[in-house]
């Protein structure tokens, strides 16, 4: 299963939709948004692309009530998880959090194949040796909005092979 991993879209809906559209053309079946989604208007263009979107809080969440209502009316396309999410996709256990330090702790714990985070606006892809003697991937897609960063970035991932490609958007 191929997925699109984004974070820190803030109120830049068109950039979020551009990343998701590109991922969809490459075969993505799902989107993970690692927080800092300001409100429903940021999601409207992305929902038209008809991919399931998993969303968590960040520290810049503008209207959680409105996002919850949108999720309730989306027939399961938008899944709003709150502060974090523990998912199973394509037989891979995935944890989503907004904060890198929490993501790193979960990756070291070794209960997940993949841990996704955001917040720093700095992309990172690392494979960590975990406490259970295995490996866990820790990925931060940076900021799809490009705020406070040299480029707007997102990650295209293949869960079957656990491969991750950092992608850039033109602003």
N, C-alpha and C. Protein backbone atom coordinates (compact mmCIF):
# COMPACT_ATOMS: atom_id res chain seq x y z
N UNK A 1 0.85 -1.18 0.00
CA UNK A 1 0.00 0.00 0.00
C UNK A 1 0.89 1.24 0.00
N UNK A 2 0.59 2.13 -0.89
CA UNK A 2 1.30 3.40 -0.98
C UNK A 2 0.48 4.48 -0.28
N UNK A 3 1.17 5.36 0.44
CA UNK A 3 0.49 6.41 1.18
C UNK A 3 1.20 7.75 1.01
N UNK A 4 0.46 8.80 1.32
CA UNK A 4 0.97 10.16 1.33
C UNK A 4 1.04 10.60 2.79
N UNK A 5 2.21 11.07 3.24
CA UNK A 5 2.37 11.55 4.60
C UNK A 5 2.65 13.05 4.55
N UNK A 6 1.81 13.83 5.23
CA UNK A 6 1.94 15.28 5.25
C UNK A 6 1.85 15.78 6.68
N UNK A 7 2.26 17.01 6.88
CA UNK A 7 2.10 17.66 8.17
C UNK A 7 2.14 19.16 7.98
N UNK A 8 1.69 19.85 8.99
CA UNK A 8 1.82 21.29 9.08
C UNK A 8 1.36 22.01 7.81
N UNK A 9 0.13 21.70 7.40
CA UNK A 9 -0.46 22.39 6.26
C UNK A 9 -0.99 23.77 6.66
N UNK A 10 -1.23 23.95 7.97
CA UNK A 10 -1.79 25.19 8.49
C UNK A 10 -3.01 25.56 7.65
N UNK A 11 -3.09 26.72 7.06
CA UNK A 11 -4.28 27.07 6.28
C UNK A 11 -4.00 27.06 4.77
N UNK A 12 -3.02 26.29 4.35
CA UNK A 12 -2.62 26.25 2.94
C UNK A 12 -3.27 25.06 2.23
N UNK A 13 -4.58 25.11 2.08
CA UNK A 13 -5.34 24.03 1.46
C UNK A 13 -4.90 23.67 0.05
N UNK A 14 -4.64 24.64 -0.82
CA UNK A 14 -4.21 24.29 -2.18
C UNK A 14 -2.90 23.49 -2.21
N UNK A 15 -1.97 23.81 -1.33
CA UNK A 15 -0.71 23.07 -1.31
C UNK A 15 -0.92 21.66 -0.80
N UNK A 16 -1.76 21.51 0.21
CA UNK A 16 -2.10 20.18 0.71
C UNK A 16 -2.74 19.35 -0.39
N UNK A 17 -3.70 19.93 -1.09
CA UNK A 17 -4.38 19.21 -2.17
C UNK A 17 -3.42 18.85 -3.31
N UNK A 18 -2.47 19.71 -3.60
CA UNK A 18 -1.48 19.43 -4.65
C UNK A 18 -0.64 18.21 -4.29
N UNK A 19 -0.18 18.16 -3.05
CA UNK A 19 0.63 17.00 -2.61
C UNK A 19 -0.20 15.71 -2.68
N UNK A 20 -1.42 15.77 -2.21
CA UNK A 20 -2.28 14.57 -2.21
C UNK A 20 -2.60 14.14 -3.64
N UNK A 21 -2.87 15.10 -4.51
CA UNK A 21 -3.16 14.77 -5.92
C UNK A 21 -1.95 14.09 -6.57
N UNK A 22 -0.76 14.61 -6.30
CA UNK A 22 0.45 14.00 -6.86
C UNK A 22 0.63 12.58 -6.33
N UNK A 23 0.42 12.40 -5.03
CA UNK A 23 0.55 11.07 -4.44
C UNK A 23 -0.48 10.11 -5.03
N UNK A 24 -1.69 10.60 -5.25
CA UNK A 24 -2.75 9.75 -5.83
C UNK A 24 -2.37 9.31 -7.24
N UNK A 25 -1.78 10.19 -8.04
CA UNK A 25 -1.39 9.80 -9.39
C UNK A 25 -0.29 8.73 -9.37
N UNK A 26 0.45 8.67 -8.24
CA UNK A 26 1.52 7.67 -8.09
C UNK A 26 1.03 6.40 -7.39
N UNK A 27 -0.27 6.34 -7.11
CA UNK A 27 -0.85 5.12 -6.55
C UNK A 27 -1.15 5.15 -5.07
N UNK A 28 -1.05 6.30 -4.41
CA UNK A 28 -1.36 6.37 -2.99
C UNK A 28 -2.83 6.04 -2.76
N UNK A 29 -3.06 5.30 -1.68
CA UNK A 29 -4.42 4.89 -1.33
C UNK A 29 -4.92 5.54 -0.05
N UNK A 30 -4.06 6.32 0.61
CA UNK A 30 -4.41 6.87 1.91
C UNK A 30 -3.50 8.04 2.22
N UNK A 31 -3.97 8.95 3.08
CA UNK A 31 -3.20 10.11 3.50
C UNK A 31 -3.11 10.12 5.02
N UNK A 32 -1.92 10.38 5.55
CA UNK A 32 -1.71 10.58 6.97
C UNK A 32 -1.30 12.04 7.16
N UNK A 33 -2.07 12.78 7.95
CA UNK A 33 -1.77 14.19 8.23
C UNK A 33 -1.38 14.30 9.70
N UNK A 34 -0.12 14.68 9.94
CA UNK A 34 0.47 14.66 11.29
C UNK A 34 0.28 15.95 12.07
N UNK A 35 -0.79 16.67 11.82
CA UNK A 35 -1.15 17.80 12.66
C UNK A 35 -0.84 19.16 12.11
N UNK A 36 -1.37 20.16 12.80
CA UNK A 36 -1.37 21.56 12.42
C UNK A 36 -2.18 21.78 11.15
N UNK A 37 -3.42 21.40 11.27
CA UNK A 37 -4.43 21.60 10.24
C UNK A 37 -5.39 22.64 10.82
N UNK A 38 -5.49 23.78 10.23
CA UNK A 38 -6.20 24.89 10.85
C UNK A 38 -7.72 24.68 10.89
N UNK A 39 -8.32 24.21 9.82
CA UNK A 39 -9.77 24.06 9.84
C UNK A 39 -10.29 23.35 8.62
N UNK A 40 -11.59 23.32 8.52
CA UNK A 40 -12.24 22.56 7.45
C UNK A 40 -11.92 23.11 6.06
N UNK A 41 -11.78 24.42 5.93
CA UNK A 41 -11.49 24.98 4.60
C UNK A 41 -10.18 24.45 4.04
N UNK A 42 -9.24 24.14 4.91
CA UNK A 42 -7.96 23.59 4.48
C UNK A 42 -8.14 22.22 3.84
N UNK A 43 -9.17 21.50 4.25
CA UNK A 43 -9.39 20.13 3.78
C UNK A 43 -10.30 19.99 2.57
N UNK A 44 -11.09 20.99 2.25
CA UNK A 44 -12.14 20.81 1.25
C UNK A 44 -11.63 20.34 -0.11
N UNK A 45 -10.60 20.95 -0.64
CA UNK A 45 -10.07 20.53 -1.95
C UNK A 45 -9.48 19.13 -1.87
N UNK A 46 -8.85 18.79 -0.75
CA UNK A 46 -8.25 17.46 -0.59
C UNK A 46 -9.30 16.37 -0.52
N UNK A 47 -10.43 16.64 0.11
CA UNK A 47 -11.50 15.64 0.21
C UNK A 47 -12.09 15.30 -1.16
N UNK A 48 -12.05 16.25 -2.07
CA UNK A 48 -12.55 16.00 -3.43
C UNK A 48 -11.71 14.96 -4.18
N UNK A 49 -10.51 14.69 -3.68
CA UNK A 49 -9.62 13.71 -4.32
C UNK A 49 -9.99 12.27 -3.93
N UNK A 50 -10.90 12.13 -2.98
CA UNK A 50 -11.50 10.85 -2.61
C UNK A 50 -10.52 9.80 -2.09
N UNK A 51 -9.52 10.23 -1.34
CA UNK A 51 -8.65 9.30 -0.63
C UNK A 51 -8.98 9.41 0.86
N UNK A 52 -8.91 8.30 1.60
CA UNK A 52 -9.08 8.39 3.04
C UNK A 52 -7.97 9.25 3.64
N UNK A 53 -8.35 10.13 4.56
CA UNK A 53 -7.40 11.02 5.21
C UNK A 53 -7.51 10.83 6.72
N UNK A 54 -6.39 10.46 7.34
CA UNK A 54 -6.30 10.34 8.80
C UNK A 54 -5.64 11.62 9.31
N UNK A 55 -6.29 12.29 10.27
CA UNK A 55 -5.83 13.58 10.77
C UNK A 55 -5.71 13.53 12.29
N UNK A 56 -4.64 14.14 12.81
CA UNK A 56 -4.49 14.32 14.26
C UNK A 56 -4.32 15.80 14.57
N UNK A 57 -4.39 16.14 15.86
CA UNK A 57 -4.16 17.51 16.32
C UNK A 57 -2.71 17.91 16.09
N UNK A 58 -2.49 19.15 16.25
CA UNK A 58 -1.16 19.70 16.38
C UNK A 58 -1.25 20.79 17.42
N UNK A 59 -0.29 21.68 17.45
CA UNK A 59 -0.38 22.79 18.38
C UNK A 59 -1.06 24.00 17.76
N UNK A 60 -1.33 23.97 16.46
CA UNK A 60 -2.04 25.05 15.77
C UNK A 60 -3.31 24.51 15.13
N UNK A 61 -4.20 24.04 15.95
CA UNK A 61 -5.47 23.51 15.47
C UNK A 61 -6.52 24.58 15.68
N UNK A 62 -7.01 25.13 14.60
CA UNK A 62 -7.94 26.25 14.69
C UNK A 62 -9.34 25.89 15.12
N UNK A 63 -9.95 24.87 14.55
CA UNK A 63 -11.37 24.61 14.81
C UNK A 63 -11.65 23.11 14.88
N UNK A 64 -11.32 22.48 16.01
CA UNK A 64 -11.52 21.04 16.12
C UNK A 64 -12.98 20.61 16.05
N UNK A 65 -13.90 21.45 16.49
CA UNK A 65 -15.32 21.10 16.44
C UNK A 65 -15.78 21.01 14.99
N UNK A 66 -15.39 21.97 14.18
CA UNK A 66 -15.76 21.96 12.77
C UNK A 66 -15.13 20.77 12.03
N UNK A 67 -13.87 20.46 12.35
CA UNK A 67 -13.22 19.31 11.71
C UNK A 67 -13.91 18.02 12.13
N UNK A 68 -14.31 17.92 13.39
CA UNK A 68 -15.04 16.73 13.85
C UNK A 68 -16.36 16.57 13.10
N UNK A 69 -17.07 17.66 12.92
CA UNK A 69 -18.34 17.61 12.17
C UNK A 69 -18.11 17.19 10.72
N UNK A 70 -17.07 17.73 10.11
CA UNK A 70 -16.75 17.36 8.74
C UNK A 70 -16.43 15.87 8.65
N UNK A 71 -15.68 15.36 9.61
CA UNK A 71 -15.34 13.94 9.64
C UNK A 71 -16.59 13.08 9.80
N UNK A 72 -17.49 13.49 10.67
CA UNK A 72 -18.72 12.72 10.90
C UNK A 72 -19.58 12.63 9.64
N UNK A 73 -19.54 13.64 8.81
CA UNK A 73 -20.34 13.65 7.59
C UNK A 73 -19.60 13.17 6.35
N UNK A 74 -18.43 12.57 6.52
CA UNK A 74 -17.60 12.23 5.35
C UNK A 74 -17.68 10.75 4.94
N UNK A 75 -18.59 9.99 5.52
CA UNK A 75 -18.70 8.55 5.23
C UNK A 75 -17.38 7.82 5.44
N UNK A 76 -16.62 8.23 6.44
CA UNK A 76 -15.36 7.55 6.76
C UNK A 76 -14.16 8.01 5.97
N UNK A 77 -14.35 8.93 5.03
CA UNK A 77 -13.20 9.39 4.25
C UNK A 77 -12.23 10.20 5.11
N UNK A 78 -12.76 11.06 5.98
CA UNK A 78 -11.93 11.84 6.89
C UNK A 78 -12.04 11.20 8.27
N UNK A 79 -10.90 10.79 8.81
CA UNK A 79 -10.87 10.17 10.13
C UNK A 79 -10.07 11.06 11.06
N UNK A 80 -10.78 11.64 12.01
CA UNK A 80 -10.19 12.61 12.92
C UNK A 80 -9.92 11.92 14.24
N UNK A 81 -8.64 11.74 14.58
CA UNK A 81 -8.24 10.90 15.70
C UNK A 81 -7.97 11.64 17.00
N UNK A 82 -7.83 12.94 16.98
CA UNK A 82 -7.49 13.66 18.21
C UNK A 82 -5.99 13.88 18.32
N UNK A 83 -5.43 13.69 19.52
CA UNK A 83 -4.01 13.99 19.75
C UNK A 83 -3.04 13.07 19.03
N UNK A 84 -3.39 11.82 18.86
CA UNK A 84 -2.51 10.88 18.18
C UNK A 84 -3.36 9.76 17.60
N UNK A 85 -2.73 8.89 16.83
CA UNK A 85 -3.46 7.78 16.21
C UNK A 85 -2.58 6.55 16.20
N UNK A 86 -3.20 5.43 16.45
CA UNK A 86 -2.55 4.12 16.39
C UNK A 86 -3.31 3.34 15.32
N UNK A 87 -2.70 3.14 14.17
CA UNK A 87 -3.37 2.58 13.00
C UNK A 87 -2.73 1.27 12.56
N UNK A 88 -3.50 0.47 11.87
CA UNK A 88 -2.96 -0.67 11.14
C UNK A 88 -3.39 -0.50 9.69
N UNK A 89 -2.39 -0.35 8.83
CA UNK A 89 -2.62 -0.23 7.38
C UNK A 89 -1.70 -1.22 6.69
N UNK A 90 -2.26 -2.01 5.81
CA UNK A 90 -1.48 -2.99 5.04
C UNK A 90 -0.60 -3.84 5.96
N UNK A 91 -1.18 -4.29 7.06
CA UNK A 91 -0.48 -5.14 8.04
C UNK A 91 0.71 -4.45 8.69
N UNK A 92 0.77 -3.14 8.64
CA UNK A 92 1.82 -2.37 9.31
C UNK A 92 1.19 -1.57 10.45
N UNK A 93 1.83 -1.61 11.59
CA UNK A 93 1.34 -0.82 12.72
C UNK A 93 2.00 0.54 12.66
N UNK A 94 1.17 1.57 12.68
CA UNK A 94 1.62 2.95 12.48
C UNK A 94 1.13 3.82 13.64
N UNK A 95 2.02 4.65 14.15
CA UNK A 95 1.66 5.61 15.19
C UNK A 95 1.86 7.01 14.63
N UNK A 96 0.89 7.88 14.85
CA UNK A 96 0.98 9.28 14.42
C UNK A 96 0.92 10.19 15.63
N UNK A 97 1.83 11.12 15.69
CA UNK A 97 1.86 12.16 16.71
C UNK A 97 2.34 13.44 16.03
N UNK A 98 2.09 14.56 16.65
CA UNK A 98 2.58 15.80 16.06
C UNK A 98 4.03 16.09 16.44
N UNK A 99 4.39 15.70 17.63
CA UNK A 99 5.67 16.13 18.19
C UNK A 99 6.80 15.13 17.96
N UNK A 100 7.95 15.59 17.43
CA UNK A 100 9.08 14.69 17.15
C UNK A 100 9.61 13.96 18.37
N UNK A 101 9.67 14.60 19.53
CA UNK A 101 10.22 13.92 20.71
C UNK A 101 9.31 12.77 21.15
N UNK A 102 8.02 12.94 21.00
CA UNK A 102 7.09 11.84 21.31
C UNK A 102 7.22 10.75 20.25
N UNK A 103 7.34 11.15 19.00
CA UNK A 103 7.54 10.18 17.92
C UNK A 103 8.78 9.34 18.12
N UNK A 104 9.87 9.98 18.51
CA UNK A 104 11.12 9.26 18.73
C UNK A 104 10.96 8.25 19.88
N UNK A 105 10.29 8.64 20.94
CA UNK A 105 10.06 7.72 22.07
C UNK A 105 9.24 6.52 21.63
N UNK A 106 8.20 6.73 20.85
CA UNK A 106 7.38 5.62 20.37
C UNK A 106 8.18 4.73 19.41
N UNK A 107 9.01 5.33 18.59
CA UNK A 107 9.83 4.53 17.67
C UNK A 107 10.80 3.65 18.45
N UNK A 108 11.45 4.20 19.47
CA UNK A 108 12.38 3.41 20.28
C UNK A 108 11.67 2.30 21.04
N UNK A 109 10.42 2.49 21.40
CA UNK A 109 9.67 1.48 22.16
C UNK A 109 9.50 0.19 21.36
N UNK A 110 9.39 0.29 20.05
CA UNK A 110 9.36 -0.90 19.21
C UNK A 110 8.02 -1.57 19.01
N UNK A 111 6.94 -0.86 19.28
CA UNK A 111 5.62 -1.45 19.08
C UNK A 111 5.03 -1.16 17.70
N UNK A 112 5.73 -0.37 16.91
CA UNK A 112 5.21 0.05 15.60
C UNK A 112 6.26 -0.17 14.53
N UNK A 113 5.79 -0.35 13.31
CA UNK A 113 6.68 -0.43 12.15
C UNK A 113 7.09 0.97 11.69
N UNK A 114 6.17 1.91 11.88
CA UNK A 114 6.36 3.27 11.37
C UNK A 114 5.77 4.25 12.38
N UNK A 115 6.52 5.30 12.67
CA UNK A 115 6.03 6.40 13.50
C UNK A 115 6.16 7.67 12.67
N UNK A 116 5.07 8.42 12.58
CA UNK A 116 5.04 9.66 11.81
C UNK A 116 4.81 10.84 12.74
N UNK A 117 5.54 11.94 12.51
CA UNK A 117 5.39 13.14 13.32
C UNK A 117 5.51 14.36 12.43
N UNK A 118 5.44 15.53 13.03
CA UNK A 118 5.55 16.79 12.30
C UNK A 118 6.17 17.86 13.19
N UNK A 119 5.54 19.02 13.25
CA UNK A 119 5.83 20.13 14.14
C UNK A 119 7.08 20.93 13.81
N UNK A 120 8.19 20.30 13.56
CA UNK A 120 9.46 21.03 13.39
C UNK A 120 9.59 21.73 12.05
N UNK A 121 8.77 21.36 11.09
CA UNK A 121 8.85 21.86 9.71
C UNK A 121 10.16 21.44 9.04
N UNK A 122 10.84 20.46 9.64
CA UNK A 122 12.09 19.93 9.09
C UNK A 122 11.89 18.46 8.74
N UNK A 123 12.00 18.11 7.47
CA UNK A 123 11.80 16.71 7.08
C UNK A 123 12.91 15.80 7.60
N UNK A 124 12.51 14.58 7.91
CA UNK A 124 13.47 13.59 8.40
C UNK A 124 12.93 12.20 8.11
N UNK A 125 13.82 11.32 7.71
CA UNK A 125 13.50 9.90 7.50
C UNK A 125 14.63 9.12 8.16
N UNK A 126 14.30 8.39 9.25
CA UNK A 126 15.32 7.62 9.98
C UNK A 126 14.79 6.25 10.33
N UNK A 127 15.67 5.28 10.30
CA UNK A 127 15.36 3.94 10.79
C UNK A 127 16.10 3.76 12.12
N UNK A 128 15.35 3.49 13.18
CA UNK A 128 15.93 3.40 14.52
C UNK A 128 15.95 1.95 15.02
N UNK A 129 17.00 1.59 15.72
CA UNK A 129 17.03 0.32 16.44
C UNK A 129 16.12 0.51 17.65
N UNK A 130 15.15 -0.42 17.82
CA UNK A 130 14.21 -0.22 18.92
C UNK A 130 14.52 -1.14 20.11
N UNK A 131 13.80 -0.94 21.20
CA UNK A 131 14.04 -1.67 22.45
C UNK A 131 13.71 -3.15 22.35
N UNK A 132 13.01 -3.55 21.33
CA UNK A 132 12.64 -4.96 21.16
C UNK A 132 13.59 -5.70 20.23
N UNK A 133 14.69 -5.04 19.85
CA UNK A 133 15.68 -5.68 18.99
C UNK A 133 15.38 -5.58 17.51
N UNK A 134 14.36 -4.84 17.15
CA UNK A 134 14.02 -4.67 15.74
C UNK A 134 14.31 -3.26 15.29
N UNK A 135 13.63 -2.86 14.23
CA UNK A 135 13.80 -1.52 13.68
C UNK A 135 12.44 -0.87 13.50
N UNK A 136 12.41 0.42 13.71
CA UNK A 136 11.20 1.22 13.50
C UNK A 136 11.58 2.45 12.70
N UNK A 137 10.78 2.74 11.70
CA UNK A 137 11.00 3.95 10.90
C UNK A 137 10.35 5.13 11.59
N UNK A 138 11.06 6.25 11.63
CA UNK A 138 10.55 7.52 12.14
C UNK A 138 10.62 8.52 10.99
N UNK A 139 9.46 9.04 10.60
CA UNK A 139 9.44 9.99 9.48
C UNK A 139 8.71 11.27 9.87
N UNK A 140 9.26 12.36 9.41
CA UNK A 140 8.66 13.68 9.57
C UNK A 140 8.65 14.29 8.18
N UNK A 141 7.46 14.54 7.61
CA UNK A 141 7.41 15.07 6.25
C UNK A 141 7.76 16.54 6.12
N UNK A 142 8.06 17.21 7.23
CA UNK A 142 8.31 18.65 7.16
C UNK A 142 6.99 19.39 7.09
N UNK A 143 6.93 20.44 6.33
CA UNK A 143 5.71 21.23 6.20
C UNK A 143 5.25 21.28 4.75
N UNK A 144 4.06 20.78 4.49
CA UNK A 144 3.51 20.82 3.14
C UNK A 144 3.15 22.26 2.76
N UNK A 145 3.05 23.15 3.75
CA UNK A 145 2.78 24.56 3.48
C UNK A 145 4.04 25.35 3.17
N UNK A 146 5.19 24.80 3.52
CA UNK A 146 6.45 25.49 3.28
C UNK A 146 6.71 26.65 4.23
N UNK A 147 5.98 26.71 5.32
CA UNK A 147 6.12 27.83 6.27
C UNK A 147 7.40 27.70 7.09
N UNK A 148 8.22 28.73 7.08
CA UNK A 148 9.45 28.73 7.86
C UNK A 148 10.46 27.69 7.41
N UNK A 149 10.31 27.23 6.20
CA UNK A 149 11.20 26.19 5.67
C UNK A 149 11.64 26.61 4.27
N UNK A 150 12.80 26.11 3.84
CA UNK A 150 13.25 26.46 2.49
C UNK A 150 12.33 25.95 1.38
N UNK A 151 11.69 24.80 1.63
CA UNK A 151 10.79 24.21 0.64
C UNK A 151 9.57 23.59 1.33
N UNK A 152 8.50 23.44 0.57
CA UNK A 152 7.31 22.72 1.02
C UNK A 152 7.54 21.25 0.71
N UNK A 153 7.36 20.38 1.71
CA UNK A 153 7.70 18.97 1.54
C UNK A 153 6.59 18.05 2.03
N UNK A 154 6.63 16.81 1.53
CA UNK A 154 5.76 15.73 1.96
C UNK A 154 6.47 14.42 1.65
N UNK A 155 5.94 13.31 2.13
CA UNK A 155 6.58 12.01 1.92
C UNK A 155 5.64 11.06 1.20
N UNK A 156 6.18 10.41 0.17
CA UNK A 156 5.48 9.32 -0.51
C UNK A 156 6.08 8.03 0.04
N UNK A 157 5.22 7.16 0.57
CA UNK A 157 5.71 5.94 1.23
C UNK A 157 5.06 4.70 0.65
N UNK A 158 5.82 3.62 0.67
CA UNK A 158 5.32 2.30 0.28
C UNK A 158 5.40 1.41 1.52
N UNK A 159 4.25 1.04 2.06
CA UNK A 159 4.22 0.24 3.28
C UNK A 159 4.66 -1.20 3.05
N UNK A 160 4.53 -1.70 1.84
CA UNK A 160 4.96 -3.07 1.55
C UNK A 160 6.47 -3.21 1.70
N UNK A 161 7.21 -2.22 1.24
CA UNK A 161 8.67 -2.27 1.26
C UNK A 161 9.29 -1.37 2.33
N UNK A 162 8.44 -0.60 3.02
CA UNK A 162 8.91 0.41 3.98
C UNK A 162 9.99 1.30 3.36
N UNK A 163 9.62 1.88 2.22
CA UNK A 163 10.48 2.85 1.57
C UNK A 163 9.79 4.21 1.58
N UNK A 164 10.60 5.26 1.68
CA UNK A 164 10.07 6.60 1.88
C UNK A 164 10.82 7.57 0.97
N UNK A 165 10.07 8.38 0.25
CA UNK A 165 10.65 9.36 -0.66
C UNK A 165 10.20 10.76 -0.24
N UNK A 166 11.15 11.62 0.05
CA UNK A 166 10.83 13.01 0.37
C UNK A 166 10.57 13.75 -0.94
N UNK A 167 9.43 14.41 -0.99
CA UNK A 167 9.02 15.14 -2.20
C UNK A 167 8.91 16.63 -1.89
N UNK A 168 9.18 17.45 -2.88
CA UNK A 168 9.08 18.90 -2.73
C UNK A 168 7.97 19.43 -3.62
N UNK A 169 7.29 20.46 -3.12
CA UNK A 169 6.27 21.17 -3.89
C UNK A 169 6.84 22.51 -4.33
N UNK A 170 6.46 22.93 -5.51
CA UNK A 170 6.84 24.28 -5.93
C UNK A 170 5.86 25.25 -5.33
N UNK A 171 6.35 26.40 -4.90
CA UNK A 171 5.46 27.41 -4.31
C UNK A 171 5.09 28.46 -5.31
